[in-house]
C-alpha atoms as a PDB file:
ATOM      1  CA  MET A   1      79.396  90.790  86.267  1.00  0.00           C
ATOM      2  CA  LEU A   2      76.699  92.706  88.150  1.00  0.00           C
ATOM      3  CA  ALA A   3      76.740  93.222  91.887  1.00  0.00           C
ATOM      4  CA  PRO A   4      74.002  91.426  93.836  1.00  0.00           C
ATOM      5  CA  VAL A   5      70.928  93.490  94.627  1.00  0.00           C
ATOM      6  CA  GLY A   6      70.556  94.483  98.272  1.00  0.00           C
ATOM      7  CA  LYS A   7      74.220  94.022  99.152  1.00  0.00           C
ATOM      8  CA  LYS A   8      75.111  96.211 102.124  1.00  0.00           C
ATOM      9  CA  LYS A   9      78.055  98.605 102.073  1.00  0.00           C
ATOM     10  CA  ASP A  10      80.817  98.546 104.633  1.00  0.00           C
ATOM     11  CA  LYS A  11      79.955 100.328 107.879  1.00  0.00           C
ATOM     12  CA  GLU A  12      82.805 102.804 107.447  1.00  0.00           C
ATOM     13  CA  HIS A  13      81.318 104.030 104.146  1.00  0.00           C
ATOM     14  CA  ARG A  14      77.763 104.474 105.420  1.00  0.00           C
ATOM     15  CA  LEU A  15      76.418 107.986 105.658  1.00  0.00           C
ATOM     16  CA  PRO A  16      74.627 108.965 108.851  1.00  0.00           C
ATOM     17  CA  LYS A  17      71.046 110.167 108.810  1.00  0.00           C
ATOM     18  CA  ARG A  18      70.506 113.870 109.447  1.00  0.00           C
ATOM     19  CA  GLU A  19      68.301 113.180 112.453  1.00  0.00           C
ATOM     20  CA  CYS A  20      67.840 110.264 114.838  1.00  0.00           C
ATOM     21  CA  CYS A  21      64.438 108.650 114.238  1.00  0.00           C
ATOM     22  CA  ALA A  22      64.342 107.156 117.773  1.00  0.00           C
ATOM     23  CA  SER A  23      61.727 104.645 116.648  1.00  0.00           C
ATOM     24  CA  ARG A  24      64.130 101.790 115.887  1.00  0.00           C
ATOM     25  CA  SER A  25      66.628 100.530 118.381  1.00  0.00           C
ATOM     26  CA  SER A  26      68.861  98.886 115.775  1.00  0.00           C
ATOM     27  CA  CYS A  27      69.198 101.573 113.084  1.00  0.00           C
ATOM     28  CA  SER A  28      72.753 101.260 111.742  1.00  0.00           C
ATOM     29  CA  ARG A  29      72.797 104.786 110.230  1.00  0.00           C
ATOM     30  CA  CYS A  30      71.660 106.552 113.404  1.00  0.00           C
ATOM     31  CA  PRO A  31      73.960 109.521 114.137  1.00  0.00           C
ATOM     32  CA  LEU A  32      73.840 108.767 117.881  1.00  0.00           C
ATOM     33  CA  ARG A  33      74.946 105.167 117.330  1.00  0.00           C
ATOM     34  CA  MET A  34      77.669 106.225 114.883  1.00  0.00           C
ATOM     35  CA  LEU A  35      78.961 108.817 117.372  1.00  0.00           C
ATOM     36  CA  LYS A  36      79.090 106.167 120.096  1.00  0.00           C
ATOM     37  CA  GLU A  37      80.875 103.658 117.836  1.00  0.00           C
ATOM     38  CA  GLY A  38      83.265 106.293 116.506  1.00  0.00           C
ATOM     39  CA  THR A  39      82.234 105.862 112.864  1.00  0.00           C
ATOM     40  CA  LEU A  40      80.839 109.385 112.416  1.00  0.00           C
ATOM     41  CA  PRO A  41      82.818 111.351 109.770  1.00  0.00           C
ATOM     42  CA  GLU A  42      85.419 113.896 110.914  1.00  0.00           C
ATOM     43  CA  GLY A  43      84.021 117.344 111.669  1.00  0.00           C
ATOM     44  CA  TYR A  44      80.516 116.147 112.607  1.00  0.00           C
ATOM     45  CA  THR A  45      78.790 115.706 115.954  1.00  0.00           C
ATOM     46  CA  VAL A  46      75.253 115.232 117.318  1.00  0.00           C
ATOM     47  CA  LYS A  47      73.265 117.823 119.252  1.00  0.00           C
ATOM     48  CA  LYS A  48      69.648 117.303 120.308  1.00  0.00           C
ATOM     49  CA  ARG A  49      69.456 114.102 118.215  1.00  0.00           C
ATOM     50  CA  LYS A  50      70.393 116.029 115.041  1.00  0.00           C
ATOM     51  CA  LEU A  51      73.580 115.776 113.007  1.00  0.00           C
ATOM     52  CA  VAL A  52      75.538 119.058 113.034  1.00  0.00           C
ATOM     53  CA  ARG A  53      78.923 120.225 111.830  1.00  0.00           C
ATOM     54  CA  VAL A  54      81.511 121.225 114.402  1.00  0.00           C
ATOM     55  CA  ASP A  55      82.292 124.472 112.559  1.00  0.00           C
ATOM     56  CA  GLY A  56      78.600 125.497 112.550  1.00  0.00           C
ATOM     57  CA  LYS A  57      78.014 125.271 108.791  1.00  0.00           C
ATOM     58  CA  LYS A  58      74.936 123.644 107.296  1.00  0.00           C
ATOM     59  CA  VAL A  59      74.876 119.837 106.934  1.00  0.00           C
ATOM     60  CA  THR A  60      74.407 118.860 103.285  1.00  0.00           C
ATOM     61  CA  LYS A  61      74.485 115.491 101.589  1.00  0.00           C
ATOM     62  CA  LYS A  62      77.262 116.663  99.265  1.00  0.00           C
ATOM     63  CA  ARG A  63      79.549 117.632 102.148  1.00  0.00           C
ATOM     64  CA  LEU A  64      78.690 114.411 104.003  1.00  0.00           C
ATOM     65  CA  THR A  65      79.754 112.266 101.058  1.00  0.00           C
ATOM     66  CA  GLN A  66      83.006 114.214 100.759  1.00  0.00           C
ATOM     67  CA  ALA A  67      83.739 113.739 104.479  1.00  0.00           C
ATOM     68  CA  ALA A  68      82.983 110.017 104.401  1.00  0.00           C
END
């Protein structure tokens, strides 16, 4: 059986965006919102509306998926 199209993932499995768009007030993937809710993956934080790693390494999609 196929999964329904457009079905949303659980919030804990969502990946944050690399930068806050600041144009939508209800963006569920916003790194600022995820930081506030405590759903940001371990080892990541937000500085100047951009997602950064605590250890200073570059943020990549591959590492984000491994952390989440």
